Amino acid sequence: QTTKQQSLTVRIYAPTNFDQVTAIADDLKAGKAVVVNYERIESAEQRRICDFVNGVCYVLDGCARRISDQIVLYVPEGVDVDEAMSVALPY
């Protein structure tokens, strides 16, 4: 008897406007992990997108982990994120 482990898909986004937030939310709803690079977007739009995606993660019992000042990893429920280095990044 063999058990097949479910694979995890990770999508990477570099949004340029708020209109792209629905694709990010849809991927999270579909059980995919999402990396969002906010380097190409102004801070006001970045805050809107970040707030929206954080809300999606909350509703789906997922979580968000800041990778750097401009990059955030969002994962759906059931995905464990283990930090290999204990470096404190400001959120």
N, C-alpha and C. Protein backbone atom coordinates (compact mmCIF):
# COMPACT_ATOMS: atom_id res chain seq x y z
N GLN A 1 0.85 -1.18 0.00
CA GLN A 1 0.00 0.00 0.00
C GLN A 1 0.89 1.24 0.00
N THR A 2 0.65 2.10 -0.94
CA THR A 2 1.44 3.34 -1.01
C THR A 2 0.52 4.53 -0.80
N THR A 3 1.08 5.55 -0.22
CA THR A 3 0.31 6.79 -0.05
C THR A 3 0.99 7.87 -0.85
N LYS A 4 0.20 8.57 -1.58
CA LYS A 4 0.74 9.64 -2.42
C LYS A 4 0.64 10.95 -1.65
N GLN A 5 1.77 11.63 -1.53
CA GLN A 5 1.78 12.90 -0.84
C GLN A 5 1.31 13.99 -1.81
N GLN A 6 0.39 14.83 -1.33
CA GLN A 6 -0.12 15.91 -2.16
C GLN A 6 0.99 16.93 -2.41
N SER A 7 1.13 17.37 -3.64
CA SER A 7 2.17 18.33 -3.97
C SER A 7 1.69 19.74 -3.66
N LEU A 8 2.63 20.61 -3.40
CA LEU A 8 2.34 22.00 -3.11
C LEU A 8 2.83 22.86 -4.26
N THR A 9 1.95 23.70 -4.75
CA THR A 9 2.30 24.64 -5.80
C THR A 9 2.55 26.00 -5.17
N VAL A 10 3.61 26.66 -5.60
CA VAL A 10 3.93 28.00 -5.12
C VAL A 10 3.88 28.94 -6.31
N ARG A 11 3.08 29.99 -6.18
CA ARG A 11 2.98 31.01 -7.22
C ARG A 11 3.74 32.25 -6.76
N ILE A 12 4.40 32.92 -7.68
CA ILE A 12 5.14 34.15 -7.37
C ILE A 12 4.50 35.29 -8.12
N TYR A 13 4.17 36.35 -7.38
CA TYR A 13 3.54 37.53 -7.97
C TYR A 13 4.39 38.77 -7.70
N ALA A 14 4.40 39.68 -8.65
CA ALA A 14 4.99 41.01 -8.50
C ALA A 14 3.93 42.00 -9.00
N PRO A 15 2.90 42.26 -8.18
CA PRO A 15 1.78 43.08 -8.65
C PRO A 15 2.19 44.52 -8.95
N THR A 16 1.48 45.10 -9.90
CA THR A 16 1.70 46.51 -10.23
C THR A 16 0.48 47.36 -9.92
N ASN A 17 -0.66 46.69 -9.59
CA ASN A 17 -1.85 47.42 -9.17
C ASN A 17 -2.76 46.48 -8.36
N PHE A 18 -3.76 47.08 -7.74
CA PHE A 18 -4.66 46.33 -6.85
C PHE A 18 -5.51 45.31 -7.60
N ASP A 19 -5.73 45.52 -8.89
CA ASP A 19 -6.58 44.61 -9.66
C ASP A 19 -6.05 43.18 -9.70
N GLN A 20 -4.78 42.99 -9.44
CA GLN A 20 -4.19 41.66 -9.48
C GLN A 20 -4.41 40.86 -8.20
N VAL A 21 -5.05 41.48 -7.20
CA VAL A 21 -5.21 40.83 -5.91
C VAL A 21 -6.16 39.62 -5.99
N THR A 22 -7.12 39.63 -6.90
CA THR A 22 -8.05 38.51 -6.98
C THR A 22 -7.36 37.21 -7.41
N ALA A 23 -6.36 37.31 -8.28
CA ALA A 23 -5.61 36.12 -8.69
C ALA A 23 -4.84 35.54 -7.51
N ILE A 24 -4.28 36.42 -6.68
CA ILE A 24 -3.56 35.97 -5.49
C ILE A 24 -4.52 35.25 -4.54
N ALA A 25 -5.67 35.87 -4.30
CA ALA A 25 -6.68 35.27 -3.41
C ALA A 25 -7.18 33.94 -3.96
N ASP A 26 -7.41 33.87 -5.27
CA ASP A 26 -7.88 32.62 -5.88
C ASP A 26 -6.87 31.49 -5.70
N ASP A 27 -5.58 31.81 -5.84
CA ASP A 27 -4.55 30.78 -5.64
C ASP A 27 -4.54 30.29 -4.20
N LEU A 28 -4.66 31.20 -3.25
CA LEU A 28 -4.71 30.78 -1.85
C LEU A 28 -5.94 29.91 -1.58
N LYS A 29 -7.09 30.30 -2.13
CA LYS A 29 -8.30 29.50 -1.97
C LYS A 29 -8.14 28.11 -2.56
N ALA A 30 -7.32 28.00 -3.62
CA ALA A 30 -7.09 26.71 -4.28
C ALA A 30 -6.01 25.89 -3.57
N GLY A 31 -5.50 26.38 -2.44
CA GLY A 31 -4.52 25.61 -1.68
C GLY A 31 -3.08 25.81 -2.12
N LYS A 32 -2.81 26.86 -2.89
CA LYS A 32 -1.45 27.14 -3.34
C LYS A 32 -0.80 28.16 -2.40
N ALA A 33 0.50 28.03 -2.22
CA ALA A 33 1.26 29.03 -1.50
C ALA A 33 1.58 30.16 -2.47
N VAL A 34 1.71 31.37 -1.95
CA VAL A 34 1.93 32.53 -2.80
C VAL A 34 3.06 33.38 -2.22
N VAL A 35 3.99 33.75 -3.08
CA VAL A 35 5.03 34.72 -2.72
C VAL A 35 4.69 36.01 -3.45
N VAL A 36 4.60 37.11 -2.70
CA VAL A 36 4.28 38.40 -3.31
C VAL A 36 5.47 39.33 -3.13
N ASN A 37 5.98 39.81 -4.25
CA ASN A 37 7.09 40.76 -4.28
C ASN A 37 6.49 42.14 -4.51
N TYR A 38 6.60 43.02 -3.52
CA TYR A 38 5.99 44.34 -3.57
C TYR A 38 6.94 45.42 -4.10
N GLU A 39 8.06 45.05 -4.69
CA GLU A 39 9.05 46.03 -5.12
C GLU A 39 8.57 46.96 -6.23
N ARG A 40 7.65 46.53 -7.05
CA ARG A 40 7.23 47.33 -8.21
C ARG A 40 5.94 48.10 -7.99
N ILE A 41 5.56 48.32 -6.74
CA ILE A 41 4.29 48.97 -6.47
C ILE A 41 4.47 50.04 -5.40
N GLU A 42 3.70 51.11 -5.51
CA GLU A 42 3.79 52.20 -4.55
C GLU A 42 3.28 51.74 -3.19
N SER A 43 3.73 52.42 -2.14
CA SER A 43 3.44 51.97 -0.78
C SER A 43 1.95 51.97 -0.44
N ALA A 44 1.17 52.92 -0.97
CA ALA A 44 -0.27 52.94 -0.68
C ALA A 44 -0.96 51.70 -1.26
N GLU A 45 -0.63 51.36 -2.50
CA GLU A 45 -1.19 50.15 -3.12
C GLU A 45 -0.66 48.90 -2.44
N GLN A 46 0.60 48.92 -2.03
CA GLN A 46 1.17 47.79 -1.32
C GLN A 46 0.39 47.52 -0.05
N ARG A 47 0.07 48.55 0.70
CA ARG A 47 -0.69 48.39 1.94
C ARG A 47 -2.06 47.80 1.66
N ARG A 48 -2.76 48.29 0.61
CA ARG A 48 -4.08 47.76 0.26
C ARG A 48 -4.01 46.27 -0.07
N ILE A 49 -3.05 45.92 -0.92
CA ILE A 49 -2.92 44.52 -1.32
C ILE A 49 -2.56 43.66 -0.11
N CYS A 50 -1.61 44.12 0.67
CA CYS A 50 -1.17 43.37 1.85
C CYS A 50 -2.33 43.17 2.83
N ASP A 51 -3.10 44.21 3.09
CA ASP A 51 -4.25 44.08 3.98
C ASP A 51 -5.27 43.08 3.45
N PHE A 52 -5.54 43.14 2.15
CA PHE A 52 -6.52 42.24 1.54
C PHE A 52 -6.04 40.79 1.63
N VAL A 53 -4.79 40.54 1.24
CA VAL A 53 -4.28 39.16 1.24
C VAL A 53 -4.14 38.64 2.66
N ASN A 54 -3.76 39.49 3.60
CA ASN A 54 -3.73 39.07 5.00
C ASN A 54 -5.12 38.66 5.47
N GLY A 55 -6.15 39.38 5.03
CA GLY A 55 -7.52 39.02 5.36
C GLY A 55 -7.92 37.69 4.77
N VAL A 56 -7.52 37.45 3.53
CA VAL A 56 -7.80 36.15 2.89
C VAL A 56 -7.14 35.03 3.68
N CYS A 57 -5.88 35.23 4.06
CA CYS A 57 -5.17 34.22 4.85
C CYS A 57 -5.88 33.96 6.17
N TYR A 58 -6.34 35.00 6.81
CA TYR A 58 -7.04 34.84 8.09
C TYR A 58 -8.31 34.01 7.92
N VAL A 59 -9.11 34.35 6.91
CA VAL A 59 -10.37 33.63 6.68
C VAL A 59 -10.10 32.17 6.34
N LEU A 60 -9.02 31.90 5.62
CA LEU A 60 -8.70 30.53 5.22
C LEU A 60 -7.85 29.78 6.25
N ASP A 61 -7.61 30.39 7.41
CA ASP A 61 -6.76 29.81 8.45
C ASP A 61 -5.34 29.56 7.96
N GLY A 62 -4.88 30.40 7.04
CA GLY A 62 -3.50 30.33 6.55
C GLY A 62 -2.62 31.25 7.38
N CYS A 63 -1.44 31.54 6.86
CA CYS A 63 -0.56 32.47 7.57
C CYS A 63 0.32 33.22 6.58
N ALA A 64 0.92 34.29 7.07
CA ALA A 64 1.81 35.12 6.26
C ALA A 64 3.15 35.22 6.99
N ARG A 65 4.22 35.15 6.22
CA ARG A 65 5.57 35.30 6.77
C ARG A 65 6.33 36.29 5.90
N ARG A 66 6.85 37.32 6.54
CA ARG A 66 7.65 38.31 5.82
C ARG A 66 9.03 37.71 5.54
N ILE A 67 9.42 37.73 4.27
CA ILE A 67 10.72 37.22 3.86
C ILE A 67 11.74 38.36 3.90
N SER A 68 11.33 39.53 3.42
CA SER A 68 12.15 40.74 3.45
C SER A 68 11.20 41.93 3.55
N ASP A 69 11.74 43.13 3.48
CA ASP A 69 10.89 44.32 3.55
C ASP A 69 9.87 44.36 2.42
N GLN A 70 10.17 43.76 1.28
CA GLN A 70 9.32 43.85 0.10
C GLN A 70 8.74 42.52 -0.36
N ILE A 71 9.04 41.43 0.33
CA ILE A 71 8.58 40.11 -0.11
C ILE A 71 7.89 39.39 1.05
N VAL A 72 6.68 38.86 0.77
CA VAL A 72 5.91 38.17 1.79
C VAL A 72 5.47 36.81 1.24
N LEU A 73 5.56 35.79 2.07
CA LEU A 73 5.08 34.45 1.74
C LEU A 73 3.74 34.24 2.42
N TYR A 74 2.73 33.87 1.64
CA TYR A 74 1.40 33.55 2.17
C TYR A 74 1.15 32.08 1.91
N VAL A 75 0.72 31.36 2.95
CA VAL A 75 0.48 29.93 2.78
C VAL A 75 -0.92 29.57 3.27
N PRO A 76 -1.55 28.61 2.61
CA PRO A 76 -2.88 28.17 3.03
C PRO A 76 -2.79 27.29 4.26
N GLU A 77 -3.95 26.97 4.82
CA GLU A 77 -4.02 26.09 5.99
C GLU A 77 -3.37 24.75 5.67
N GLY A 78 -2.68 24.21 6.65
CA GLY A 78 -2.06 22.90 6.49
C GLY A 78 -0.64 22.95 6.00
N VAL A 79 -0.12 24.13 5.68
CA VAL A 79 1.26 24.26 5.23
C VAL A 79 2.06 24.85 6.38
N ASP A 80 3.06 24.12 6.82
CA ASP A 80 3.92 24.60 7.90
C ASP A 80 5.10 25.35 7.32
N VAL A 81 5.38 26.50 7.91
CA VAL A 81 6.55 27.29 7.51
C VAL A 81 7.52 27.25 8.66
N ASP A 82 8.68 26.70 8.40
CA ASP A 82 9.69 26.54 9.44
C ASP A 82 10.88 27.42 9.09
N GLU A 83 11.20 28.35 9.98
CA GLU A 83 12.31 29.26 9.72
C GLU A 83 13.61 28.57 10.12
N ALA A 84 14.54 28.47 9.17
CA ALA A 84 15.81 27.82 9.42
C ALA A 84 16.75 28.71 10.22
N MET A 85 16.62 30.00 10.03
CA MET A 85 17.47 30.95 10.76
C MET A 85 16.57 31.82 11.63
N SER A 86 17.02 32.11 12.82
CA SER A 86 16.21 32.96 13.69
C SER A 86 16.66 34.41 13.55
N VAL A 87 16.29 35.01 12.42
CA VAL A 87 16.58 36.40 12.16
C VAL A 87 15.27 37.17 12.33
N ALA A 88 15.28 38.14 13.20
CA ALA A 88 14.06 38.93 13.44
C ALA A 88 13.93 39.99 12.38
N LEU A 89 12.88 39.88 11.58
CA LEU A 89 12.59 40.89 10.57
C LEU A 89 11.41 41.72 11.05
N PRO A 90 11.46 43.02 10.88
CA PRO A 90 10.32 43.84 11.29
C PRO A 90 9.13 43.56 10.40
N TYR A 91 7.96 43.47 10.97
CA TYR A 91 6.75 43.19 10.19
C TYR A 91 6.10 44.43 9.76
